[in-house]
Full PDB file with SEQRES, HELIX, SHEET, SSBOND, CRYST1, ORIGX, SCALE, CONECT and MASTER records, all heavy atoms in Angstrom:
SEQRES   1 A   31  ALA HIS TYR VAL ARG ASP ALA LEU GLU VAL ILE GLN CYS          
SEQRES   2 A   31  VAL GLY ASP HIS ARG VAL ALA TYR HIS CYS GLY TYR ASN          
SEQRES   3 A   31  GLN ASP SER ILE GLY                                          
SHEET    1 AA1 2 TYR A   3  ARG A   5  0                                        
SHEET    2 AA1 2 VAL A  10  GLN A  12 -1                                        
CRYST1    1.000    1.000    1.000  90.00  90.00  90.00 P 1           1          
ORIGX1      1.000000  0.000000  0.000000        0.00000                         
ORIGX2      0.000000  1.000000  0.000000        0.00000                         
ORIGX3      0.000000  0.000000  1.000000        0.00000                         
SCALE1      1.000000  0.000000  0.000000        0.00000                         
SCALE2      0.000000  1.000000  0.000000        0.00000                         
SCALE3      0.000000  0.000000  1.000000        0.00000                         
ATOM      1  N   ALA A   1     102.307 109.676  99.345  1.00  0.00           N  
ATOM      2  CA  ALA A   1     103.665 109.293  98.973  1.00  0.00           C  
ATOM      3  C   ALA A   1     103.834 109.618  97.503  1.00  0.00           C  
ATOM      4  O   ALA A   1     102.861 109.815  96.779  1.00  0.00           O  
ATOM      5  CB  ALA A   1     103.919 107.807  99.236  1.00  0.00           C  
ATOM      6  N   HIS A   2     105.066 109.676  97.069  1.00  0.00           N  
ATOM      7  CA  HIS A   2     105.318 109.990  95.660  1.00  0.00           C  
ATOM      8  C   HIS A   2     104.951 108.820  94.754  1.00  0.00           C  
ATOM      9  O   HIS A   2     104.369 109.019  93.680  1.00  0.00           O  
ATOM     10  CB  HIS A   2     106.788 110.372  95.461  1.00  0.00           C  
ATOM     11  CG  HIS A   2     107.160 111.640  96.166  1.00  0.00           C  
ATOM     12  ND1 HIS A   2     107.562 111.656  97.480  1.00  0.00           N  
ATOM     13  CD2 HIS A   2     107.169 112.924  95.736  1.00  0.00           C  
ATOM     14  CE1 HIS A   2     107.815 112.915  97.834  1.00  0.00           C  
ATOM     15  NE2 HIS A   2     107.588 113.696  96.797  1.00  0.00           N  
ATOM     16  N   TYR A   3     105.283 107.611  95.185  1.00  0.00           N  
ATOM     17  CA  TYR A   3     105.046 106.416  94.368  1.00  0.00           C  
ATOM     18  C   TYR A   3     104.470 105.305  95.236  1.00  0.00           C  
ATOM     19  O   TYR A   3     104.817 105.171  96.412  1.00  0.00           O  
ATOM     20  CB  TYR A   3     106.353 105.913  93.740  1.00  0.00           C  
ATOM     21  CG  TYR A   3     107.048 106.896  92.845  1.00  0.00           C  
ATOM     22  CD1 TYR A   3     107.957 107.813  93.364  1.00  0.00           C  
ATOM     23  CD2 TYR A   3     106.805 106.916  91.463  1.00  0.00           C  
ATOM     24  CE1 TYR A   3     108.595 108.733  92.534  1.00  0.00           C  
ATOM     25  CE2 TYR A   3     107.443 107.834  90.632  1.00  0.00           C  
ATOM     26  CZ  TYR A   3     108.337 108.734  91.179  1.00  0.00           C  
ATOM     27  OH  TYR A   3     108.973 109.647  90.361  1.00  0.00           O  
ATOM     28  N   VAL A   4     103.611 104.477  94.627  1.00  0.00           N  
ATOM     29  CA  VAL A   4     103.110 103.276  95.289  1.00  0.00           C  
ATOM     30  C   VAL A   4     103.091 102.163  94.247  1.00  0.00           C  
ATOM     31  O   VAL A   4     102.621 102.353  93.134  1.00  0.00           O  
ATOM     32  CB  VAL A   4     101.722 103.509  95.929  1.00  0.00           C  
ATOM     33  CG1 VAL A   4     100.705 104.003  94.914  1.00  0.00           C  
ATOM     34  CG2 VAL A   4     101.218 102.253  96.629  1.00  0.00           C  
ATOM     35  N   ARG A   5     103.615 100.999  94.621  1.00  0.00           N  
ATOM     36  CA  ARG A   5     103.783  99.894  93.655  1.00  0.00           C  
ATOM     37  C   ARG A   5     103.205  98.600  94.186  1.00  0.00           C  
ATOM     38  O   ARG A   5     103.414  98.231  95.347  1.00  0.00           O  
ATOM     39  CB  ARG A   5     105.270  99.691  93.330  1.00  0.00           C  
ATOM     40  CG  ARG A   5     105.519  98.501  92.396  1.00  0.00           C  
ATOM     41  CD  ARG A   5     106.957  98.344  92.006  1.00  0.00           C  
ATOM     42  NE  ARG A   5     107.341  99.205  90.886  1.00  0.00           N  
ATOM     43  CZ  ARG A   5     107.052  98.956  89.608  1.00  0.00           C  
ATOM     44  NH1 ARG A   5     106.364  97.873  89.278  1.00  0.00           N  
ATOM     45  NH2 ARG A   5     107.461  99.774  88.652  1.00  0.00           N  
ATOM     46  N   ASP A   6     102.488  97.893  93.289  1.00  0.00           N  
ATOM     47  CA  ASP A   6     102.068  96.523  93.568  1.00  0.00           C  
ATOM     48  C   ASP A   6     102.740  95.609  92.539  1.00  0.00           C  
ATOM     49  O   ASP A   6     103.672  96.011  91.838  1.00  0.00           O  
ATOM     50  CB  ASP A   6     100.547  96.381  93.558  1.00  0.00           C  
ATOM     51  CG  ASP A   6      99.895  96.734  92.221  1.00  0.00           C  
ATOM     52  OD1 ASP A   6     100.556  96.635  91.166  1.00  0.00           O  
ATOM     53  OD2 ASP A   6      98.696  97.115  92.219  1.00  0.00           O  
ATOM     54  N   ALA A   7     102.259  94.372  92.434  1.00  0.00           N  
ATOM     55  CA  ALA A   7     102.898  93.415  91.542  1.00  0.00           C  
ATOM     56  C   ALA A   7     102.692  93.733  90.067  1.00  0.00           C  
ATOM     57  O   ALA A   7     103.422  93.236  89.210  1.00  0.00           O  
ATOM     58  CB  ALA A   7     102.383  92.009  91.839  1.00  0.00           C  
ATOM     59  N   LEU A   8     101.706  94.570  89.768  1.00  0.00           N  
ATOM     60  CA  LEU A   8     101.391  94.879  88.376  1.00  0.00           C  
ATOM     61  C   LEU A   8     101.968  96.199  87.895  1.00  0.00           C  
ATOM     62  O   LEU A   8     102.465  96.295  86.781  1.00  0.00           O  
ATOM     63  CB  LEU A   8      99.865  94.914  88.196  1.00  0.00           C  
ATOM     64  CG  LEU A   8      99.351  95.322  86.810  1.00  0.00           C  
ATOM     65  CD1 LEU A   8      99.741  94.265  85.778  1.00  0.00           C  
ATOM     66  CD2 LEU A   8      97.839  95.529  86.848  1.00  0.00           C  
ATOM     67  N   GLU A   9     101.923  97.242  88.730  1.00  0.00           N  
ATOM     68  CA  GLU A   9     102.241  98.585  88.258  1.00  0.00           C  
ATOM     69  C   GLU A   9     102.681  99.493  89.397  1.00  0.00           C  
ATOM     70  O   GLU A   9     102.528  99.170  90.581  1.00  0.00           O  
ATOM     71  CB  GLU A   9     101.016  99.206  87.580  1.00  0.00           C  
ATOM     72  CG  GLU A   9      99.823  99.360  88.528  1.00  0.00           C  
ATOM     73  CD  GLU A   9      98.568  99.863  87.836  1.00  0.00           C  
ATOM     74  OE1 GLU A   9      98.674 100.348  86.689  1.00  0.00           O  
ATOM     75  OE2 GLU A   9      97.492  99.773  88.449  1.00  0.00           O  
ATOM     76  N   VAL A  10     103.225 100.634  88.988  1.00  0.00           N  
ATOM     77  CA  VAL A  10     103.539 101.704  89.930  1.00  0.00           C  
ATOM     78  C   VAL A  10     102.716 102.921  89.531  1.00  0.00           C  
ATOM     79  O   VAL A  10     102.523 103.200  88.352  1.00  0.00           O  
ATOM     80  CB  VAL A  10     105.050 102.027  89.940  1.00  0.00           C  
ATOM     81  CG1 VAL A  10     105.543 102.507  88.578  1.00  0.00           C  
ATOM     82  CG2 VAL A  10     105.371 103.069  91.013  1.00  0.00           C  
ATOM     83  N   ILE A  11     102.194 103.623  90.534  1.00  0.00           N  
ATOM     84  CA  ILE A  11     101.432 104.847  90.323  1.00  0.00           C  
ATOM     85  C   ILE A  11     102.152 105.981  91.038  1.00  0.00           C  
ATOM     86  O   ILE A  11     102.601 105.813  92.178  1.00  0.00           O  
ATOM     87  CB  ILE A  11      99.999 104.734  90.887  1.00  0.00           C  
ATOM     88  CG1 ILE A  11      99.248 103.540  90.264  1.00  0.00           C  
ATOM     89  CG2 ILE A  11      99.230 106.040  90.664  1.00  0.00           C  
ATOM     90  CD1 ILE A  11      98.942 103.675  88.799  1.00  0.00           C  
ATOM     91  N   GLN A  12     102.269 107.113  90.369  1.00  0.00           N  
ATOM     92  CA  GLN A  12     102.835 108.287  91.017  1.00  0.00           C  
ATOM     93  C   GLN A  12     101.702 109.179  91.511  1.00  0.00           C  
ATOM     94  O   GLN A  12     100.704 109.381  90.817  1.00  0.00           O  
ATOM     95  CB  GLN A  12     103.736 109.079  90.070  1.00  0.00           C  
ATOM     96  CG  GLN A  12     104.459 110.228  90.762  1.00  0.00           C  
ATOM     97  CD  GLN A  12     105.528 110.879  89.896  1.00  0.00           C  
ATOM     98  OE1 GLN A  12     105.656 110.563  88.710  1.00  0.00           O  
ATOM     99  NE2 GLN A  12     106.303 111.773  90.486  1.00  0.00           N  
ATOM    100  N   CYS A  13     101.868 109.714  92.719  1.00  0.00           N  
ATOM    101  CA  CYS A  13     100.801 110.498  93.348  1.00  0.00           C  
ATOM    102  C   CYS A  13     101.217 111.917  93.710  1.00  0.00           C  
ATOM    103  O   CYS A  13     100.355 112.767  93.955  1.00  0.00           O  
ATOM    104  CB  CYS A  13     100.305 109.791  94.604  1.00  0.00           C  
ATOM    105  SG  CYS A  13      99.714 108.113  94.301  1.00  0.00           S  
ATOM    106  N   VAL A  14     102.499 112.182  93.763  1.00  0.00           N  
ATOM    107  CA  VAL A  14     103.033 113.509  94.055  1.00  0.00           C  
ATOM    108  C   VAL A  14     104.265 113.701  93.173  1.00  0.00           C  
ATOM    109  O   VAL A  14     105.065 112.780  93.002  1.00  0.00           O  
ATOM    110  CB  VAL A  14     103.427 113.648  95.548  1.00  0.00           C  
ATOM    111  CG1 VAL A  14     104.039 115.026  95.826  1.00  0.00           C  
ATOM    112  CG2 VAL A  14     102.221 113.418  96.452  1.00  0.00           C  
ATOM    113  N   GLY A  15     104.422 114.893  92.596  1.00  0.00           N  
ATOM    114  CA  GLY A  15     105.610 115.179  91.799  1.00  0.00           C  
ATOM    115  C   GLY A  15     106.870 115.116  92.649  1.00  0.00           C  
ATOM    116  O   GLY A  15     106.852 115.445  93.848  1.00  0.00           O  
ATOM    117  N   ASP A  16     107.973 114.708  92.047  1.00  0.00           N  
ATOM    118  CA  ASP A  16     109.206 114.509  92.807  1.00  0.00           C  
ATOM    119  C   ASP A  16     109.670 115.764  93.537  1.00  0.00           C  
ATOM    120  O   ASP A  16     110.308 115.672  94.595  1.00  0.00           O  
ATOM    121  CB  ASP A  16     110.332 114.040  91.873  1.00  0.00           C  
ATOM    122  CG  ASP A  16     110.082 112.677  91.271  1.00  0.00           C  
ATOM    123  OD1 ASP A  16     109.167 111.969  91.739  1.00  0.00           O  
ATOM    124  OD2 ASP A  16     110.798 112.316  90.311  1.00  0.00           O  
ATOM    125  N   HIS A  17     109.395 116.915  92.976  1.00  0.00           N  
ATOM    126  CA  HIS A  17     109.862 118.179  93.567  1.00  0.00           C  
ATOM    127  C   HIS A  17     108.825 118.822  94.473  1.00  0.00           C  
ATOM    128  O   HIS A  17     108.945 120.005  94.811  1.00  0.00           O  
ATOM    129  CB  HIS A  17     110.312 119.135  92.466  1.00  0.00           C  
ATOM    130  CG  HIS A  17     111.520 118.644  91.735  1.00  0.00           C  
ATOM    131  ND1 HIS A  17     112.795 118.754  92.227  1.00  0.00           N  
ATOM    132  CD2 HIS A  17     111.638 117.973  90.560  1.00  0.00           C  
ATOM    133  CE1 HIS A  17     113.656 118.205  91.382  1.00  0.00           C  
ATOM    134  NE2 HIS A  17     112.972 117.727  90.358  1.00  0.00           N  
ATOM    135  N   ARG A  18     107.817 118.035  94.856  1.00  0.00           N  
ATOM    136  CA  ARG A  18     106.856 118.448  95.869  1.00  0.00           C  
ATOM    137  C   ARG A  18     107.011 117.552  97.101  1.00  0.00           C  
ATOM    138  O   ARG A  18     107.282 116.353  96.978  1.00  0.00           O  
ATOM    139  CB  ARG A  18     105.426 118.300  95.346  1.00  0.00           C  
ATOM    140  CG  ARG A  18     105.006 119.376  94.394  1.00  0.00           C  
ATOM    141  CD  ARG A  18     104.498 120.583  95.147  1.00  0.00           C  
ATOM    142  NE  ARG A  18     104.064 121.621  94.242  1.00  0.00           N  
ATOM    143  CZ  ARG A  18     103.687 122.824  94.643  1.00  0.00           C  
ATOM    144  NH1 ARG A  18     103.707 123.120  95.922  1.00  0.00           N  
ATOM    145  NH2 ARG A  18     103.296 123.729  93.774  1.00  0.00           N  
ATOM    146  N   VAL A  19     106.827 118.125  98.264  1.00  0.00           N  
ATOM    147  CA  VAL A  19     106.861 117.347  99.497  1.00  0.00           C  
ATOM    148  C   VAL A  19     105.613 116.469  99.580  1.00  0.00           C  
ATOM    149  O   VAL A  19     104.493 116.943  99.370  1.00  0.00           O  
ATOM    150  CB  VAL A  19     106.925 118.272 100.730  1.00  0.00           C  
ATOM    151  CG1 VAL A  19     106.766 117.473 102.025  1.00  0.00           C  
ATOM    152  CG2 VAL A  19     108.245 119.044 100.751  1.00  0.00           C  
ATOM    153  N   ALA A  20     105.808 115.192  99.859  1.00  0.00           N  
ATOM    154  CA  ALA A  20     104.702 114.279 100.164  1.00  0.00           C  
ATOM    155  C   ALA A  20     104.726 113.999 101.659  1.00  0.00           C  
ATOM    156  O   ALA A  20     105.785 114.053 102.300  1.00  0.00           O  
ATOM    157  CB  ALA A  20     104.832 112.982  99.369  1.00  0.00           C  
ATOM    158  N   TYR A  21     103.582 113.649 102.219  1.00  0.00           N  
ATOM    159  CA  TYR A  21     103.469 113.446 103.662  1.00  0.00           C  
ATOM    160  C   TYR A  21     103.549 111.955 103.978  1.00  0.00           C  
ATOM    161  O   TYR A  21     102.540 111.297 104.218  1.00  0.00           O  
ATOM    162  CB  TYR A  21     102.170 114.058 104.166  1.00  0.00           C  
ATOM    163  CG  TYR A  21     102.082 115.551 103.926  1.00  0.00           C  
ATOM    164  CD1 TYR A  21     100.883 116.146 103.539  1.00  0.00           C  
ATOM    165  CD2 TYR A  21     103.206 116.367 104.072  1.00  0.00           C  
ATOM    166  CE1 TYR A  21     100.807 117.517 103.315  1.00  0.00           C  
ATOM    167  CE2 TYR A  21     103.144 117.734 103.848  1.00  0.00           C  
ATOM    168  CZ  TYR A  21     101.938 118.297 103.474  1.00  0.00           C  
ATOM    169  OH  TYR A  21     101.865 119.649 103.260  1.00  0.00           O  
ATOM    170  N   HIS A  22     104.749 111.436 103.955  1.00  0.00           N  
ATOM    171  CA  HIS A  22     104.942 109.992 104.080  1.00  0.00           C  
ATOM    172  C   HIS A  22     105.688 109.572 105.330  1.00  0.00           C  
ATOM    173  O   HIS A  22     105.720 108.383 105.665  1.00  0.00           O  
ATOM    174  CB  HIS A  22     105.662 109.448 102.837  1.00  0.00           C  
ATOM    175  CG  HIS A  22     107.001 110.084 102.583  1.00  0.00           C  
ATOM    176  ND1 HIS A  22     108.179 109.529 103.015  1.00  0.00           N  
ATOM    177  CD2 HIS A  22     107.336 111.236 101.942  1.00  0.00           C  
ATOM    178  CE1 HIS A  22     109.189 110.301 102.635  1.00  0.00           C  
ATOM    179  NE2 HIS A  22     108.705 111.345 101.988  1.00  0.00           N  
ATOM    180  N   CYS A  23     106.338 110.497 106.026  1.00  0.00           N  
ATOM    181  CA  CYS A  23     107.036 110.153 107.262  1.00  0.00           C  
ATOM    182  C   CYS A  23     107.141 111.412 108.117  1.00  0.00           C  
ATOM    183  O   CYS A  23     106.761 112.502 107.693  1.00  0.00           O  
ATOM    184  CB  CYS A  23     108.402 109.531 107.003  1.00  0.00           C  
ATOM    185  SG  CYS A  23     109.606 110.579 106.169  1.00  0.00           S  
ATOM    186  N   GLY A  24     107.653 111.288 109.312  1.00  0.00           N  
ATOM    187  CA  GLY A  24     107.689 112.432 110.210  1.00  0.00           C  
ATOM    188  C   GLY A  24     108.522 113.587 109.701  1.00  0.00           C  
ATOM    189  O   GLY A  24     108.206 114.750 109.940  1.00  0.00           O  
ATOM    190  N   TYR A  25     109.614 113.278 108.983  1.00  0.00           N  
ATOM    191  CA  TYR A  25     110.463 114.312 108.400  1.00  0.00           C  
ATOM    192  C   TYR A  25     110.432 114.102 106.891  1.00  0.00           C  
ATOM    193  O   TYR A  25     111.097 113.216 106.356  1.00  0.00           O  
ATOM    194  CB  TYR A  25     111.898 114.194 108.929  1.00  0.00           C  
ATOM    195  CG  TYR A  25     112.776 115.357 108.520  1.00  0.00           C  
ATOM    196  CD1 TYR A  25     112.866 116.502 109.303  1.00  0.00           C  
ATOM    197  CD2 TYR A  25     113.513 115.314 107.337  1.00  0.00           C  
ATOM    198  CE1 TYR A  25     113.668 117.574 108.931  1.00  0.00           C  
ATOM    199  CE2 TYR A  25     114.310 116.381 106.953  1.00  0.00           C  
ATOM    200  CZ  TYR A  25     114.386 117.498 107.745  1.00  0.00           C  
ATOM    201  OH  TYR A  25     115.177 118.555 107.377  1.00  0.00           O  
ATOM    202  N   ASN A  26     109.656 114.929 106.198  1.00  0.00           N  
ATOM    203  CA  ASN A  26     109.356 114.682 104.788  1.00  0.00           C  
ATOM    204  C   ASN A  26     110.214 115.467 103.801  1.00  0.00           C  
ATOM    205  O   ASN A  26     110.319 115.073 102.635  1.00  0.00           O  
ATOM    206  CB  ASN A  26     107.885 115.036 104.524  1.00  0.00           C  
ATOM    207  CG  ASN A  26     106.931 114.203 105.352  1.00  0.00           C  
ATOM    208  OD1 ASN A  26     106.923 112.989 105.267  1.00  0.00           O  
ATOM    209  ND2 ASN A  26     106.129 114.868 106.170  1.00  0.00           N  
ATOM    210  N   GLN A  27     110.781 116.575 104.230  1.00  0.00           N  
ATOM    211  CA  GLN A  27     111.447 117.483 103.313  1.00  0.00           C  
ATOM    212  C   GLN A  27     112.610 116.818 102.583  1.00  0.00           C  
ATOM    213  O   GLN A  27     113.417 116.107 103.187  1.00  0.00           O  
ATOM    214  CB  GLN A  27     111.968 118.711 104.084  1.00  0.00           C  
ATOM    215  CG  GLN A  27     112.535 119.823 103.216  1.00  0.00           C  
ATOM    216  CD  GLN A  27     111.460 120.498 102.361  1.00  0.00           C  
ATOM    217  OE1 GLN A  27     110.359 120.749 102.838  1.00  0.00           O  
ATOM    218  NE2 GLN A  27     111.781 120.783 101.117  1.00  0.00           N  
ATOM    219  N   ASP A  28     112.679 117.054 101.279  1.00  0.00           N  
ATOM    220  CA  ASP A  28     113.800 116.622 100.429  1.00  0.00           C  
ATOM    221  C   ASP A  28     113.919 115.102 100.311  1.00  0.00           C  
ATOM    222  O   ASP A  28     115.002 114.586 100.022  1.00  0.00           O  
ATOM    223  CB  ASP A  28     115.132 117.222 100.911  1.00  0.00           C  
ATOM    224  CG  ASP A  28     115.140 118.741 100.824  1.00  0.00           C  
ATOM    225  OD1 ASP A  28     114.386 119.292 100.003  1.00  0.00           O  
ATOM    226  OD2 ASP A  28     115.892 119.380 101.577  1.00  0.00           O  
ATOM    227  N   SER A  29     112.818 114.396 100.513  1.00  0.00           N  
ATOM    228  CA  SER A  29     112.844 112.936 100.348  1.00  0.00           C  
ATOM    229  C   SER A  29     111.674 112.490  99.490  1.00  0.00           C  
ATOM    230  O   SER A  29     110.622 113.128  99.464  1.00  0.00           O  
ATOM    231  CB  SER A  29     112.794 112.234 101.710  1.00  0.00           C  
ATOM    232  OG  SER A  29     111.565 112.489 102.368  1.00  0.00           O  
ATOM    233  N   ILE A  30     111.876 111.400  98.789  1.00  0.00           N  
ATOM    234  CA  ILE A  30     110.836 110.800  97.957  1.00  0.00           C  
ATOM    235  C   ILE A  30     110.298 109.559  98.665  1.00  0.00           C  
ATOM    236  O   ILE A  30     111.057 108.644  99.005  1.00  0.00           O  
ATOM    237  CB  ILE A  30     111.392 110.434  96.573  1.00  0.00           C  
ATOM    238  CG1 ILE A  30     111.704 111.721  95.793  1.00  0.00           C  
ATOM    239  CG2 ILE A  30     110.420 109.556  95.794  1.00  0.00           C  
ATOM    240  CD1 ILE A  30     112.354 111.503  94.464  1.00  0.00           C  
ATOM    241  N   GLY A  31     108.999 109.549  98.915  1.00  0.00           N  
ATOM    242  CA  GLY A  31     108.378 108.414  99.570  1.00  0.00           C  
ATOM    243  C   GLY A  31     107.971 107.355  98.556  1.00  0.00           C  
ATOM    244  O   GLY A  31     107.268 107.651  97.588  1.00  0.00           O  
TER     245      GLY A  31                                                      
MASTER        0    0    0    0    2    0    0    6  244    1    0    3          
END                                                                             
């Protein structure tokens, strides 16, 4: 996913303009 957040912080794992594999239809969406 592009971002993951807990109570302390958010971490980015994929650039916004790259497809992340977070749902069945991933294109043009930020997970």
